Amino acid sequence: MVRQQVDRSTPVEDVLGILQVESNVRVRYSPRCFRGVLEAHVLSPDDSIADLFEAIRGTNGPVFPPETDR
């Protein structure tokens, strides 16, 4: 199933994300990771979940830890 979603040009971080989602392994992220994602999208903990979805809509999804080039 995974082979159909990736090829040699798929970035490593995307491959790892796909493998994690397709596996039975649960991953725990610290609240600090989520805070970094909020800050990367100029959001605060007081913003709504809808605001978060709107902010990440045009991306390939949140990155943990967040990218710092924003």
PDB file of N, CA and C in Angstrom:
ATOM      1  N   MET A   1       0.822  -1.190   0.000  1.00  0.00           N
ATOM      2  CA  MET A   1       0.000   0.000   0.000  1.00  0.00           C
ATOM      3  C   MET A   1       0.869   1.259   0.000  1.00  0.00           C
ATOM      4  N   VAL A   2       1.930   1.303   0.801  1.00  0.00           N
ATOM      5  CA  VAL A   2       2.788   2.482   0.879  1.00  0.00           C
ATOM      6  C   VAL A   2       3.515   2.718  -0.434  1.00  0.00           C
ATOM      7  N   ARG A   3       3.924   1.666  -1.118  1.00  0.00           N
ATOM      8  CA  ARG A   3       4.677   1.827  -2.371  1.00  0.00           C
ATOM      9  C   ARG A   3       3.886   2.612  -3.405  1.00  0.00           C
ATOM     10  N   GLN A   4       2.573   2.572  -3.328  1.00  0.00           N
ATOM     11  CA  GLN A   4       1.757   3.307  -4.288  1.00  0.00           C
ATOM     12  C   GLN A   4       1.754   4.801  -3.991  1.00  0.00           C
ATOM     13  N   GLN A   5       2.119   5.204  -2.779  1.00  0.00           N
ATOM     14  CA  GLN A   5       2.057   6.606  -2.379  1.00  0.00           C
ATOM     15  C   GLN A   5       3.381   7.333  -2.486  1.00  0.00           C
ATOM     16  N   VAL A   6       4.478   6.609  -2.639  1.00  0.00           N
ATOM     17  CA  VAL A   6       5.791   7.247  -2.680  1.00  0.00           C
ATOM     18  C   VAL A   6       6.586   6.770  -3.885  1.00  0.00           C
ATOM     19  N   ASP A   7       7.528   7.598  -4.294  1.00  0.00           N
ATOM     20  CA  ASP A   7       8.488   7.198  -5.315  1.00  0.00           C
ATOM     21  C   ASP A   7       9.827   7.830  -4.951  1.00  0.00           C
ATOM     22  N   ARG A   8      10.805   7.671  -5.794  1.00  0.00           N
ATOM     23  CA  ARG A   8      12.151   8.161  -5.475  1.00  0.00           C
ATOM     24  C   ARG A   8      12.212   9.674  -5.278  1.00  0.00           C
ATOM     25  N   SER A   9      11.253  10.411  -5.797  1.00  0.00           N
ATOM     26  CA  SER A   9      11.287  11.869  -5.662  1.00  0.00           C
ATOM     27  C   SER A   9      10.543  12.367  -4.414  1.00  0.00           C
ATOM     28  N   THR A  10       9.907  11.465  -3.675  1.00  0.00           N
ATOM     29  CA  THR A  10       9.178  11.860  -2.469  1.00  0.00           C
ATOM     30  C   THR A  10      10.178  12.241  -1.378  1.00  0.00           C
ATOM     31  N   PRO A  11      10.037  13.436  -0.791  1.00  0.00           N
ATOM     32  CA  PRO A  11      10.962  13.861   0.264  1.00  0.00           C
ATOM     33  C   PRO A  11      10.957  12.890   1.453  1.00  0.00           C
ATOM     34  N   VAL A  12      12.103  12.732   2.077  1.00  0.00           N
ATOM     35  CA  VAL A  12      12.263  11.790   3.184  1.00  0.00           C
ATOM     36  C   VAL A  12      11.254  12.065   4.296  1.00  0.00           C
ATOM     37  N   GLU A  13      11.054  13.347   4.649  1.00  0.00           N
ATOM     38  CA  GLU A  13      10.121  13.657   5.730  1.00  0.00           C
ATOM     39  C   GLU A  13       8.696  13.237   5.388  1.00  0.00           C
ATOM     40  N   ASP A  14       8.320  13.303   4.107  1.00  0.00           N
ATOM     41  CA  ASP A  14       6.998  12.842   3.687  1.00  0.00           C
ATOM     42  C   ASP A  14       6.900  11.325   3.770  1.00  0.00           C
ATOM     43  N   VAL A  15       7.966  10.626   3.374  1.00  0.00           N
ATOM     44  CA  VAL A  15       7.985   9.164   3.452  1.00  0.00           C
ATOM     45  C   VAL A  15       7.847   8.726   4.899  1.00  0.00           C
ATOM     46  N   LEU A  16       8.591   9.361   5.801  1.00  0.00           N
ATOM     47  CA  LEU A  16       8.503   9.003   7.215  1.00  0.00           C
ATOM     48  C   LEU A  16       7.108   9.255   7.768  1.00  0.00           C
ATOM     49  N   GLY A  17       6.491  10.354   7.382  1.00  0.00           N
ATOM     50  CA  GLY A  17       5.124  10.644   7.823  1.00  0.00           C
ATOM     51  C   GLY A  17       4.144   9.606   7.319  1.00  0.00           C
ATOM     52  N   ILE A  18       4.268   9.213   6.056  1.00  0.00           N
ATOM     53  CA  ILE A  18       3.384   8.190   5.485  1.00  0.00           C
ATOM     54  C   ILE A  18       3.580   6.862   6.206  1.00  0.00           C
ATOM     55  N   LEU A  19       4.831   6.477   6.429  1.00  0.00           N
ATOM     56  CA  LEU A  19       5.104   5.225   7.134  1.00  0.00           C
ATOM     57  C   LEU A  19       4.520   5.248   8.542  1.00  0.00           C
ATOM     58  N   GLN A  20       4.645   6.373   9.230  1.00  0.00           N
ATOM     59  CA  GLN A  20       4.107   6.468  10.590  1.00  0.00           C
ATOM     60  C   GLN A  20       2.596   6.347  10.576  1.00  0.00           C
ATOM     61  N   VAL A  21       1.930   7.012   9.649  1.00  0.00           N
ATOM     62  CA  VAL A  21       0.472   6.952   9.567  1.00  0.00           C
ATOM     63  C   VAL A  21      -0.003   5.534   9.227  1.00  0.00           C
ATOM     64  N   GLU A  22       0.730   4.853   8.360  1.00  0.00           N
ATOM     65  CA  GLU A  22       0.347   3.510   7.928  1.00  0.00           C
ATOM     66  C   GLU A  22       0.698   2.425   8.958  1.00  0.00           C
ATOM     67  N   SER A  23       1.526   2.775   9.933  1.00  0.00           N
ATOM     68  CA  SER A  23       1.940   1.781  10.924  1.00  0.00           C
ATOM     69  C   SER A  23       0.944   1.739  12.080  1.00  0.00           C
ATOM     70  N   ASN A  24       1.169   0.811  12.960  1.00  0.00           N
ATOM     71  CA  ASN A  24       0.350   0.705  14.167  1.00  0.00           C
ATOM     72  C   ASN A  24       1.013   1.381  15.355  1.00  0.00           C
ATOM     73  N   VAL A  25       2.087   2.131  15.102  1.00  0.00           N
ATOM     74  CA  VAL A  25       2.836   2.775  16.169  1.00  0.00           C
ATOM     75  C   VAL A  25       2.229   4.147  16.450  1.00  0.00           C
ATOM     76  N   ARG A  26       1.909   4.372  17.711  1.00  0.00           N
ATOM     77  CA  ARG A  26       1.398   5.679  18.116  1.00  0.00           C
ATOM     78  C   ARG A  26       2.577   6.552  18.531  1.00  0.00           C
ATOM     79  N   VAL A  27       2.531   7.818  18.187  1.00  0.00           N
ATOM     80  CA  VAL A  27       3.612   8.752  18.506  1.00  0.00           C
ATOM     81  C   VAL A  27       3.035   9.858  19.376  1.00  0.00           C
ATOM     82  N   ARG A  28       3.754  10.187  20.433  1.00  0.00           N
ATOM     83  CA  ARG A  28       3.322  11.261  21.324  1.00  0.00           C
ATOM     84  C   ARG A  28       4.182  12.490  21.042  1.00  0.00           C
ATOM     85  N   TYR A  29       3.534  13.627  20.808  1.00  0.00           N
ATOM     86  CA  TYR A  29       4.229  14.887  20.578  1.00  0.00           C
ATOM     87  C   TYR A  29       4.035  15.778  21.798  1.00  0.00           C
ATOM     88  N   SER A  30       5.048  16.503  22.149  1.00  0.00           N
ATOM     89  CA  SER A  30       4.952  17.384  23.313  1.00  0.00           C
ATOM     90  C   SER A  30       4.117  18.616  22.966  1.00  0.00           C
ATOM     91  N   PRO A  31       3.526  19.235  23.972  1.00  0.00           N
ATOM     92  CA  PRO A  31       2.796  20.487  23.736  1.00  0.00           C
ATOM     93  C   PRO A  31       3.691  21.552  23.094  1.00  0.00           C
ATOM     94  N   ARG A  32       5.004  21.487  23.363  1.00  0.00           N
ATOM     95  CA  ARG A  32       5.942  22.440  22.763  1.00  0.00           C
ATOM     96  C   ARG A  32       5.924  22.342  21.245  1.00  0.00           C
ATOM     97  N   CYS A  33       5.776  21.124  20.709  1.00  0.00           N
ATOM     98  CA  CYS A  33       5.695  20.950  19.250  1.00  0.00           C
ATOM     99  C   CYS A  33       4.472  21.669  18.690  1.00  0.00           C
ATOM    100  N   PHE A  34       3.339  21.509  19.371  1.00  0.00           N
ATOM    101  CA  PHE A  34       2.116  22.161  18.899  1.00  0.00           C
ATOM    102  C   PHE A  34       2.226  23.680  19.021  1.00  0.00           C
ATOM    103  N   ARG A  35       2.838  24.140  20.095  1.00  0.00           N
ATOM    104  CA  ARG A  35       3.024  25.586  20.247  1.00  0.00           C
ATOM    105  C   ARG A  35       3.882  26.125  19.104  1.00  0.00           C
ATOM    106  N   GLY A  36       4.925  25.392  18.721  1.00  0.00           N
ATOM    107  CA  GLY A  36       5.777  25.803  17.606  1.00  0.00           C
ATOM    108  C   GLY A  36       5.010  25.876  16.298  1.00  0.00           C
ATOM    109  N   VAL A  37       4.114  24.915  16.076  1.00  0.00           N
ATOM    110  CA  VAL A  37       3.288  24.934  14.862  1.00  0.00           C
ATOM    111  C   VAL A  37       2.371  26.154  14.883  1.00  0.00           C
ATOM    112  N   LEU A  38       1.765  26.436  16.031  1.00  0.00           N
ATOM    113  CA  LEU A  38       0.908  27.622  16.139  1.00  0.00           C
ATOM    114  C   LEU A  38       1.702  28.887  15.838  1.00  0.00           C
ATOM    115  N   GLU A  39       2.882  29.004  16.429  1.00  0.00           N
ATOM    116  CA  GLU A  39       3.709  30.188  16.206  1.00  0.00           C
ATOM    117  C   GLU A  39       4.163  30.287  14.752  1.00  0.00           C
ATOM    118  N   ALA A  40       4.478  29.158  14.128  1.00  0.00           N
ATOM    119  CA  ALA A  40       4.913  29.169  12.728  1.00  0.00           C
ATOM    120  C   ALA A  40       3.813  29.679  11.803  1.00  0.00           C
ATOM    121  N   HIS A  41       2.555  29.526  12.230  1.00  0.00           N
ATOM    122  CA  HIS A  41       1.421  29.976  11.411  1.00  0.00           C
ATOM    123  C   HIS A  41       0.768  31.231  11.996  1.00  0.00           C
ATOM    124  N   VAL A  42       1.513  31.916  12.877  1.00  0.00           N
ATOM    125  CA  VAL A  42       1.078  33.164  13.509  1.00  0.00           C
ATOM    126  C   VAL A  42      -0.282  32.965  14.195  1.00  0.00           C
ATOM    127  N   LEU A  43      -0.373  31.887  14.964  1.00  0.00           N
ATOM    128  CA  LEU A  43      -1.562  31.595  15.757  1.00  0.00           C
ATOM    129  C   LEU A  43      -1.151  31.526  17.220  1.00  0.00           C
ATOM    130  N   SER A  44      -2.118  31.658  18.097  1.00  0.00           N
ATOM    131  CA  SER A  44      -1.850  31.525  19.529  1.00  0.00           C
ATOM    132  C   SER A  44      -2.744  30.413  20.076  1.00  0.00           C
ATOM    133  N   PRO A  45      -2.472  29.950  21.291  1.00  0.00           N
ATOM    134  CA  PRO A  45      -3.344  28.925  21.871  1.00  0.00           C
ATOM    135  C   PRO A  45      -4.798  29.390  22.009  1.00  0.00           C
ATOM    136  N   ASP A  46      -5.028  30.692  21.932  1.00  0.00           N
ATOM    137  CA  ASP A  46      -6.391  31.209  22.031  1.00  0.00           C
ATOM    138  C   ASP A  46      -7.166  31.136  20.719  1.00  0.00           C
ATOM    139  N   ASP A  47      -6.470  30.889  19.591  1.00  0.00           N
ATOM    140  CA  ASP A  47      -7.163  30.757  18.307  1.00  0.00           C
ATOM    141  C   ASP A  47      -7.924  29.436  18.271  1.00  0.00           C
ATOM    142  N   SER A  48      -8.892  29.351  17.380  1.00  0.00           N
ATOM    143  CA  SER A  48      -9.728  28.158  17.300  1.00  0.00           C
ATOM    144  C   SER A  48      -9.074  27.069  16.451  1.00  0.00           C
ATOM    145  N   ILE A  49      -9.595  25.878  16.570  1.00  0.00           N
ATOM    146  CA  ILE A  49      -9.140  24.776  15.722  1.00  0.00           C
ATOM    147  C   ILE A  49      -9.428  25.109  14.266  1.00  0.00           C
ATOM    148  N   ALA A  50     -10.535  25.780  14.002  1.00  0.00           N
ATOM    149  CA  ALA A  50     -10.858  26.200  12.634  1.00  0.00           C
ATOM    150  C   ALA A  50      -9.781  27.145  12.099  1.00  0.00           C
ATOM    151  N   ASP A  51      -9.263  28.026  12.961  1.00  0.00           N
ATOM    152  CA  ASP A  51      -8.181  28.925  12.543  1.00  0.00           C
ATOM    153  C   ASP A  51      -6.936  28.127  12.167  1.00  0.00           C
ATOM    154  N   LEU A  52      -6.635  27.081  12.943  1.00  0.00           N
ATOM    155  CA  LEU A  52      -5.478  26.235  12.635  1.00  0.00           C
ATOM    156  C   LEU A  52      -5.668  25.545  11.295  1.00  0.00           C
ATOM    157  N   PHE A  53      -6.832  24.957  11.069  1.00  0.00           N
ATOM    158  CA  PHE A  53      -7.087  24.287   9.797  1.00  0.00           C
ATOM    159  C   PHE A  53      -6.998  25.261   8.628  1.00  0.00           C
ATOM    160  N   GLU A  54      -7.486  26.459   8.809  1.00  0.00           N
ATOM    161  CA  GLU A  54      -7.400  27.472   7.753  1.00  0.00           C
ATOM    162  C   GLU A  54      -5.930  27.827   7.479  1.00  0.00           C
ATOM    163  N   ALA A  55      -5.130  27.935   8.524  1.00  0.00           N
ATOM    164  CA  ALA A  55      -3.724  28.301   8.363  1.00  0.00           C
ATOM    165  C   ALA A  55      -2.926  27.223   7.645  1.00  0.00           C
ATOM    166  N   ILE A  56      -3.251  25.954   7.876  1.00  0.00           N
ATOM    167  CA  ILE A  56      -2.469  24.877   7.264  1.00  0.00           C
ATOM    168  C   ILE A  56      -3.103  24.330   5.990  1.00  0.00           C
ATOM    169  N   ARG A  57      -4.227  24.886   5.596  1.00  0.00           N
ATOM    170  CA  ARG A  57      -4.946  24.393   4.415  1.00  0.00           C
ATOM    171  C   ARG A  57      -4.073  24.350   3.173  1.00  0.00           C
ATOM    172  N   GLY A  58      -3.294  25.378   2.924  1.00  0.00           N
ATOM    173  CA  GLY A  58      -2.481  25.453   1.714  1.00  0.00           C
ATOM    174  C   GLY A  58      -1.136  24.762   1.819  1.00  0.00           C
ATOM    175  N   THR A  59      -0.885  24.084   2.932  1.00  0.00           N
ATOM    176  CA  THR A  59       0.382  23.391   3.117  1.00  0.00           C
ATOM    177  C   THR A  59       0.169  21.896   2.936  1.00  0.00           C
ATOM    178  N   ASN A  60       1.250  21.145   3.031  1.00  0.00           N
ATOM    179  CA  ASN A  60       1.149  19.684   2.978  1.00  0.00           C
ATOM    180  C   ASN A  60       0.879  19.096   4.350  1.00  0.00           C
ATOM    181  N   GLY A  61       0.584  19.938   5.321  1.00  0.00           N
ATOM    182  CA  GLY A  61       0.330  19.500   6.683  1.00  0.00           C
ATOM    183  C   GLY A  61       1.355  20.070   7.637  1.00  0.00           C
ATOM    184  N   PRO A  62       1.044  20.041   8.927  1.00  0.00           N
ATOM    185  CA  PRO A  62       1.988  20.575   9.904  1.00  0.00           C
ATOM    186  C   PRO A  62       3.249  19.721   9.974  1.00  0.00           C
ATOM    187  N   VAL A  63       4.343  20.368  10.288  1.00  0.00           N
ATOM    188  CA  VAL A  63       5.640  19.692  10.399  1.00  0.00           C
ATOM    189  C   VAL A  63       6.067  19.750  11.862  1.00  0.00           C
ATOM    190  N   PHE A  64       6.456  18.603  12.405  1.00  0.00           N
ATOM    191  CA  PHE A  64       6.931  18.521  13.777  1.00  0.00           C
ATOM    192  C   PHE A  64       8.381  18.102  13.803  1.00  0.00           C
ATOM    193  N   PRO A  65       9.293  18.843  14.404  1.00  0.00           N
ATOM    194  CA  PRO A  65       9.101  20.205  14.853  1.00  0.00           C
ATOM    195  C   PRO A  65       8.862  21.127  13.664  1.00  0.00           C
ATOM    196  N   PRO A  66       8.233  22.263  13.890  1.00  0.00           N
ATOM    197  CA  PRO A  66       7.871  23.149  12.780  1.00  0.00           C
ATOM    198  C   PRO A  66       9.076  23.697  12.051  1.00  0.00           C
ATOM    199  N   GLU A  67       8.859  24.007  10.798  1.00  0.00           N
ATOM    200  CA  GLU A  67       9.908  24.656  10.003  1.00  0.00           C
ATOM    201  C   GLU A  67      10.111  26.061  10.540  1.00  0.00           C
ATOM    202  N   THR A  68      11.321  26.528  10.529  1.00  0.00           N
ATOM    203  CA  THR A  68      11.620  27.829  11.128  1.00  0.00           C
ATOM    204  C   THR A  68      11.821  28.935  10.102  1.00  0.00           C
ATOM    205  N   ASP A  69      11.588  28.667   8.831  1.00  0.00           N
ATOM    206  CA  ASP A  69      11.836  29.683   7.798  1.00  0.00           C
ATOM    207  C   ASP A  69      10.645  30.571   7.550  1.00  0.00           C
ATOM    208  N   ARG A  70       9.640  30.542   8.389  1.00  0.00           N
ATOM    209  CA  ARG A  70       8.447  31.393   8.206  1.00  0.00           C
ATOM    210  C   ARG A  70       8.649  32.723   8.867  1.00  0.00           C
TER     211      ARG A  70
END
